N, C-alpha and C. Protein backbone atom coordinates (compact mmCIF):
# COMPACT_ATOMS: atom_id res chain seq x y z
N MET A 1 62.42 -28.71 -62.69
CA MET A 1 62.05 -28.94 -64.20
C MET A 1 63.52 -29.02 -64.77
N ASP A 2 64.41 -28.24 -64.69
CA ASP A 2 65.39 -28.45 -65.65
C ASP A 2 66.30 -29.69 -65.33
N SER A 3 66.13 -30.29 -64.12
CA SER A 3 67.04 -31.61 -63.69
C SER A 3 66.32 -32.85 -64.43
N ILE A 4 65.02 -32.50 -64.54
CA ILE A 4 64.06 -33.64 -65.37
C ILE A 4 64.50 -33.75 -66.78
N ILE A 5 64.41 -32.53 -67.31
CA ILE A 5 64.91 -32.18 -68.62
C ILE A 5 66.19 -32.91 -69.16
N LEU A 6 67.17 -32.71 -68.23
CA LEU A 6 68.44 -32.92 -68.62
C LEU A 6 69.00 -34.26 -68.20
N MET A 7 68.04 -34.80 -67.36
CA MET A 7 68.31 -36.30 -67.02
C MET A 7 67.85 -37.50 -68.13
N GLN A 8 66.80 -36.84 -69.07
CA GLN A 8 66.12 -37.73 -69.82
C GLN A 8 67.16 -38.04 -71.03
N THR A 9 67.27 -39.21 -71.67
CA THR A 9 68.27 -39.53 -72.83
C THR A 9 67.61 -38.77 -74.05
N GLU A 10 66.36 -38.35 -74.07
CA GLU A 10 66.00 -37.81 -75.42
C GLU A 10 65.29 -36.71 -74.69
N VAL A 11 65.51 -35.45 -75.18
CA VAL A 11 64.75 -34.31 -74.57
C VAL A 11 63.89 -34.03 -75.45
N ASN A 12 62.48 -33.59 -74.83
CA ASN A 12 61.49 -33.13 -75.50
C ASN A 12 61.66 -31.60 -75.76
N ALA A 13 61.75 -31.43 -77.18
CA ALA A 13 62.05 -30.04 -77.46
C ALA A 13 60.74 -28.85 -77.13
N ASP A 14 59.73 -29.63 -76.95
CA ASP A 14 58.48 -28.61 -76.50
C ASP A 14 58.78 -28.13 -74.97
N ILE A 15 58.97 -29.11 -74.28
CA ILE A 15 59.06 -28.93 -72.84
C ILE A 15 60.53 -28.09 -72.49
N ALA A 16 61.47 -28.25 -73.54
CA ALA A 16 62.60 -27.62 -73.55
C ALA A 16 62.59 -26.33 -73.59
N ASN A 17 61.89 -25.85 -74.57
CA ASN A 17 61.61 -24.60 -75.10
C ASN A 17 60.83 -24.04 -74.25
N ARG A 18 59.59 -24.64 -73.58
CA ARG A 18 58.99 -23.93 -72.58
C ARG A 18 60.05 -23.47 -71.23
N SER A 19 60.71 -24.41 -70.84
CA SER A 19 61.60 -24.16 -69.73
C SER A 19 62.73 -23.11 -70.05
N ILE A 20 63.16 -23.04 -71.34
CA ILE A 20 63.87 -21.75 -71.65
C ILE A 20 63.39 -20.30 -71.57
N ARG A 21 61.76 -20.42 -71.94
CA ARG A 21 61.03 -19.50 -71.98
C ARG A 21 60.77 -18.89 -70.58
N ALA A 22 60.61 -19.99 -69.67
CA ALA A 22 60.21 -19.36 -68.38
C ALA A 22 61.66 -18.95 -67.58
N PHE A 23 62.61 -19.49 -67.79
CA PHE A 23 64.07 -19.30 -67.21
C PHE A 23 64.54 -17.76 -67.59
N THR A 24 64.31 -17.68 -68.81
CA THR A 24 64.77 -16.11 -69.74
C THR A 24 63.92 -15.06 -68.96
N ASP A 25 62.54 -15.54 -69.34
CA ASP A 25 61.56 -14.55 -68.72
C ASP A 25 61.87 -13.89 -67.37
N TYR A 26 62.09 -15.09 -66.28
CA TYR A 26 62.51 -14.75 -65.05
C TYR A 26 64.08 -13.78 -64.79
N ALA A 27 64.84 -14.37 -65.47
CA ALA A 27 65.94 -13.52 -65.62
C ALA A 27 65.70 -11.91 -66.39
N PHE A 28 65.02 -11.79 -67.05
CA PHE A 28 64.67 -10.74 -67.76
C PHE A 28 63.87 -9.96 -66.73
N TYR A 29 62.90 -10.14 -66.18
CA TYR A 29 61.98 -9.40 -65.23
C TYR A 29 62.62 -9.39 -64.26
N CYS A 30 63.44 -10.43 -63.52
CA CYS A 30 64.07 -10.22 -62.04
C CYS A 30 65.35 -10.04 -62.24
N GLU A 31 66.03 -9.21 -62.85
CA GLU A 31 67.46 -9.33 -63.25
C GLU A 31 68.13 -8.81 -62.19
N ASN A 32 67.73 -8.24 -61.17
CA ASN A 32 68.46 -8.18 -59.88
C ASN A 32 68.65 -9.32 -58.75
N ASP A 33 67.68 -10.33 -59.33
CA ASP A 33 67.47 -11.54 -58.16
C ASP A 33 68.78 -12.16 -58.27
N SER A 34 69.26 -12.85 -57.30
CA SER A 34 70.33 -13.70 -57.14
C SER A 34 70.40 -14.74 -58.14
N MET A 35 69.01 -15.43 -58.35
CA MET A 35 68.80 -16.36 -58.87
C MET A 35 68.87 -16.31 -60.51
N SER A 36 68.72 -15.25 -61.03
CA SER A 36 68.61 -14.80 -62.62
C SER A 36 69.97 -15.35 -63.11
N PRO A 37 71.04 -15.19 -62.66
CA PRO A 37 72.20 -15.80 -63.31
C PRO A 37 72.21 -17.44 -63.42
N ILE A 38 71.83 -17.84 -62.60
CA ILE A 38 71.42 -19.34 -62.26
C ILE A 38 70.60 -19.84 -63.28
N TYR A 39 69.82 -19.32 -63.72
CA TYR A 39 68.56 -19.36 -64.68
C TYR A 39 68.94 -19.32 -65.92
N LEU A 40 69.95 -18.46 -66.16
CA LEU A 40 70.40 -18.11 -67.41
C LEU A 40 71.46 -19.33 -67.80
N VAL A 41 72.43 -19.74 -66.71
CA VAL A 41 73.02 -20.97 -67.07
C VAL A 41 72.52 -22.10 -67.48
N LYS A 42 71.02 -22.39 -66.61
CA LYS A 42 70.32 -23.54 -67.04
C LYS A 42 69.66 -23.48 -68.14
N THR A 43 69.28 -22.08 -68.56
CA THR A 43 68.71 -21.85 -69.84
C THR A 43 69.93 -22.44 -71.08
N ALA A 44 70.95 -22.00 -70.79
CA ALA A 44 72.18 -22.44 -71.87
C ALA A 44 72.12 -23.96 -71.81
N GLN A 45 72.08 -24.78 -70.58
CA GLN A 45 72.17 -26.12 -70.52
C GLN A 45 71.25 -26.79 -71.47
N ILE A 46 70.11 -26.27 -71.20
CA ILE A 46 68.87 -27.00 -72.06
C ILE A 46 68.82 -26.46 -73.56
N ALA A 47 69.48 -25.59 -73.67
CA ALA A 47 69.45 -25.16 -75.15
C ALA A 47 70.52 -26.02 -75.94
N MET A 48 71.73 -26.05 -74.95
CA MET A 48 72.50 -26.95 -75.65
C MET A 48 72.10 -28.35 -75.88
N ALA A 49 71.50 -28.98 -74.78
CA ALA A 49 70.67 -30.20 -75.10
C ALA A 49 69.97 -30.20 -76.28
N ILE A 50 69.22 -29.46 -76.51
CA ILE A 50 68.25 -29.23 -77.71
C ILE A 50 69.23 -28.86 -78.96
N ASN A 51 70.17 -28.65 -79.25
CA ASN A 51 71.18 -28.15 -80.04
C ASN A 51 70.85 -26.79 -80.35
N ASN A 52 70.47 -25.77 -79.98
CA ASN A 52 70.28 -24.59 -79.91
C ASN A 52 71.20 -23.56 -79.51
N ALA A 53 72.22 -23.88 -80.39
CA ALA A 53 73.55 -23.18 -79.61
C ALA A 53 73.43 -21.57 -79.96
N ASN A 54 72.74 -20.84 -80.64
CA ASN A 54 72.55 -19.58 -80.43
C ASN A 54 71.87 -19.04 -79.50
N GLN A 55 70.85 -19.83 -78.82
CA GLN A 55 70.18 -19.26 -77.76
C GLN A 55 71.10 -19.59 -76.58
N ALA A 56 71.72 -20.58 -76.33
CA ALA A 56 72.85 -21.01 -75.24
C ALA A 56 73.74 -19.68 -75.30
N LYS A 57 74.47 -19.43 -76.52
CA LYS A 57 75.39 -18.23 -76.48
C LYS A 57 74.68 -16.91 -76.04
N VAL A 58 73.73 -16.59 -76.48
CA VAL A 58 73.05 -15.43 -76.01
C VAL A 58 72.97 -15.01 -74.46
N VAL A 59 72.42 -16.23 -73.61
CA VAL A 59 72.08 -16.34 -72.46
C VAL A 59 73.45 -16.28 -71.83
N LEU A 60 74.57 -17.20 -72.22
CA LEU A 60 76.05 -17.18 -71.66
C LEU A 60 76.57 -15.80 -71.51
N ASP A 61 76.26 -15.37 -72.62
CA ASP A 61 76.99 -13.81 -72.99
C ASP A 61 76.43 -12.89 -71.78
N ARG A 62 75.02 -13.14 -71.86
CA ARG A 62 74.35 -12.02 -71.07
C ARG A 62 74.54 -12.35 -69.61
N CYS A 63 75.01 -13.84 -69.03
CA CYS A 63 75.39 -13.67 -67.71
C CYS A 63 76.89 -13.55 -67.47
N ILE A 64 77.75 -13.76 -68.54
CA ILE A 64 79.02 -13.43 -68.20
C ILE A 64 79.19 -11.67 -68.17
N SER A 65 78.41 -11.01 -69.06
CA SER A 65 78.69 -9.47 -68.84
C SER A 65 77.70 -8.92 -67.61
N ASN A 66 76.76 -9.35 -67.50
CA ASN A 66 75.59 -8.55 -66.61
C ASN A 66 76.10 -9.26 -65.45
N TYR A 67 76.66 -10.22 -64.70
CA TYR A 67 76.65 -10.57 -63.48
C TYR A 67 78.27 -10.98 -63.43
N PRO A 68 78.87 -9.96 -63.24
CA PRO A 68 80.54 -10.19 -63.32
C PRO A 68 80.73 -10.83 -61.90
N LYS A 69 80.07 -10.96 -60.70
CA LYS A 69 80.23 -11.23 -59.51
C LYS A 69 79.69 -12.53 -59.14
N PHE A 70 79.47 -12.97 -60.08
CA PHE A 70 78.64 -14.36 -60.03
C PHE A 70 79.40 -15.77 -59.60
N LYS A 71 79.19 -16.09 -58.52
CA LYS A 71 80.21 -17.31 -58.40
C LYS A 71 80.69 -18.30 -59.40
N ASN A 72 79.23 -18.67 -60.14
CA ASN A 72 79.61 -19.71 -61.15
C ASN A 72 80.11 -19.09 -62.66
N LYS A 73 80.60 -17.82 -62.49
CA LYS A 73 81.07 -17.10 -63.61
C LYS A 73 82.07 -17.98 -64.54
N PRO A 74 82.86 -18.35 -63.83
CA PRO A 74 83.87 -19.41 -64.38
C PRO A 74 83.50 -20.61 -65.49
N ALA A 75 82.50 -21.17 -64.72
CA ALA A 75 81.82 -22.00 -65.10
C ALA A 75 81.02 -21.75 -66.33
N ALA A 76 80.52 -20.57 -66.47
CA ALA A 76 79.61 -19.92 -67.54
C ALA A 76 80.71 -19.68 -68.68
N MET A 77 81.61 -19.29 -68.46
CA MET A 77 82.63 -18.97 -69.57
C MET A 77 83.30 -20.12 -69.81
N PHE A 78 83.33 -21.27 -69.27
CA PHE A 78 84.00 -22.59 -69.81
C PHE A 78 82.72 -22.98 -70.49
N MET A 79 81.58 -23.10 -70.25
CA MET A 79 80.37 -23.53 -71.22
C MET A 79 80.55 -22.80 -72.61
N LEU A 80 80.80 -21.31 -72.44
CA LEU A 80 80.89 -20.80 -73.66
C LEU A 80 81.96 -21.33 -74.53
N GLY A 81 83.01 -21.34 -74.03
CA GLY A 81 83.91 -22.02 -74.41
C GLY A 81 83.79 -23.23 -75.12
N GLN A 82 83.16 -24.04 -74.62
CA GLN A 82 82.78 -25.53 -75.22
C GLN A 82 81.86 -25.38 -76.26
N LEU A 83 81.18 -24.23 -76.09
CA LEU A 83 80.01 -23.95 -77.04
C LEU A 83 80.54 -23.58 -78.69
N TYR A 84 81.48 -22.59 -78.46
CA TYR A 84 82.36 -22.68 -79.57
C TYR A 84 83.30 -23.60 -80.19
N ASP A 85 83.73 -24.27 -79.00
CA ASP A 85 84.94 -25.46 -79.51
C ASP A 85 84.22 -26.69 -80.19
N GLU A 86 82.60 -26.97 -79.71
CA GLU A 86 82.05 -28.27 -80.19
C GLU A 86 81.51 -27.94 -81.99
N GLN A 87 82.04 -28.87 -82.58
CA GLN A 87 82.24 -28.59 -83.98
C GLN A 87 80.42 -28.78 -84.59
N HIS A 88 79.78 -29.42 -83.48
CA HIS A 88 78.34 -29.52 -84.05
C HIS A 88 77.38 -28.20 -83.53
N LEU A 89 78.16 -27.26 -82.63
CA LEU A 89 77.65 -26.29 -82.21
C LEU A 89 78.01 -24.97 -82.75
N LEU A 90 78.97 -24.02 -82.29
CA LEU A 90 79.44 -22.74 -83.16
C LEU A 90 80.41 -23.31 -83.85
N ASN A 91 81.32 -24.36 -83.52
CA ASN A 91 82.33 -24.70 -84.38
C ASN A 91 83.61 -23.35 -84.64
N ASN A 92 84.09 -22.67 -83.93
CA ASN A 92 84.83 -21.69 -83.90
C ASN A 92 86.10 -21.71 -82.92
N GLU A 93 86.99 -22.54 -83.59
CA GLU A 93 88.16 -22.82 -82.27
C GLU A 93 88.95 -21.54 -81.98
N GLU A 94 89.02 -20.37 -82.86
CA GLU A 94 89.82 -19.23 -82.27
C GLU A 94 88.81 -18.53 -81.14
N GLU A 95 87.66 -18.61 -81.39
CA GLU A 95 86.79 -17.76 -80.37
C GLU A 95 86.80 -18.72 -78.88
N ALA A 96 86.99 -19.76 -79.18
CA ALA A 96 86.82 -20.69 -78.19
C ALA A 96 88.30 -20.58 -77.27
N LYS A 97 89.12 -20.50 -78.32
CA LYS A 97 90.63 -20.16 -77.45
C LYS A 97 90.62 -19.07 -76.78
N LYS A 98 90.10 -17.80 -77.16
CA LYS A 98 90.01 -16.48 -76.45
C LYS A 98 89.22 -16.52 -75.27
N ILE A 99 88.30 -17.38 -75.47
CA ILE A 99 87.38 -17.47 -74.24
C ILE A 99 88.15 -18.26 -73.09
N TYR A 100 88.72 -19.57 -73.36
CA TYR A 100 89.57 -20.40 -72.44
C TYR A 100 90.57 -19.55 -71.95
N GLU A 101 91.48 -18.59 -72.75
CA GLU A 101 92.47 -17.95 -72.18
C GLU A 101 92.02 -16.87 -71.21
N ALA A 102 90.71 -16.13 -71.62
CA ALA A 102 90.23 -15.09 -70.71
C ALA A 102 90.09 -15.98 -69.53
N LEU A 103 89.17 -17.05 -69.37
CA LEU A 103 89.14 -17.65 -68.20
C LEU A 103 90.21 -17.81 -67.41
N ILE A 104 91.02 -18.51 -67.87
CA ILE A 104 92.76 -18.61 -67.14
C ILE A 104 93.16 -17.50 -66.48
N TYR A 105 93.22 -16.37 -67.39
CA TYR A 105 93.56 -15.24 -66.89
C TYR A 105 92.78 -14.70 -65.71
N GLU A 106 91.39 -14.50 -65.89
CA GLU A 106 90.72 -14.07 -64.77
C GLU A 106 90.44 -15.06 -63.43
N TYR A 107 90.48 -16.44 -63.59
CA TYR A 107 90.00 -17.27 -62.63
C TYR A 107 91.44 -18.02 -62.63
N PRO A 108 92.41 -18.02 -62.46
CA PRO A 108 93.96 -18.57 -62.33
C PRO A 108 94.01 -20.08 -61.44
N LYS A 109 93.15 -19.91 -60.41
CA LYS A 109 92.91 -21.08 -59.15
C LYS A 109 91.63 -21.50 -59.55
N SER A 110 90.72 -21.26 -60.47
CA SER A 110 89.64 -21.90 -60.81
C SER A 110 89.75 -23.52 -61.16
N ASP A 111 88.76 -24.17 -60.48
CA ASP A 111 88.66 -25.66 -61.07
C ASP A 111 88.30 -25.78 -62.75
């Protein structure tokens, strides 16, 4: 479902919001499942596509703090940094810099 949404040139907000709801519900009710952090990242991607920066921030924060061993944690941290870095989203360069520095410190060999 998310790949269809993210491949469209114009994202249908209703479908995006239903996807966000489904992914976050799954992550909340099945928080011990290995798919939960993946669904949180997918939620953030969709939220960013519809310019819902606050929703993206909440789920990325949750993913990073609740799943410290998640193999894609560096990507989640980078996305959060981008969210703060983008002028049309959270527009906070200082916070973005802190996140990027933490990413480099925690994952110096990460791509």
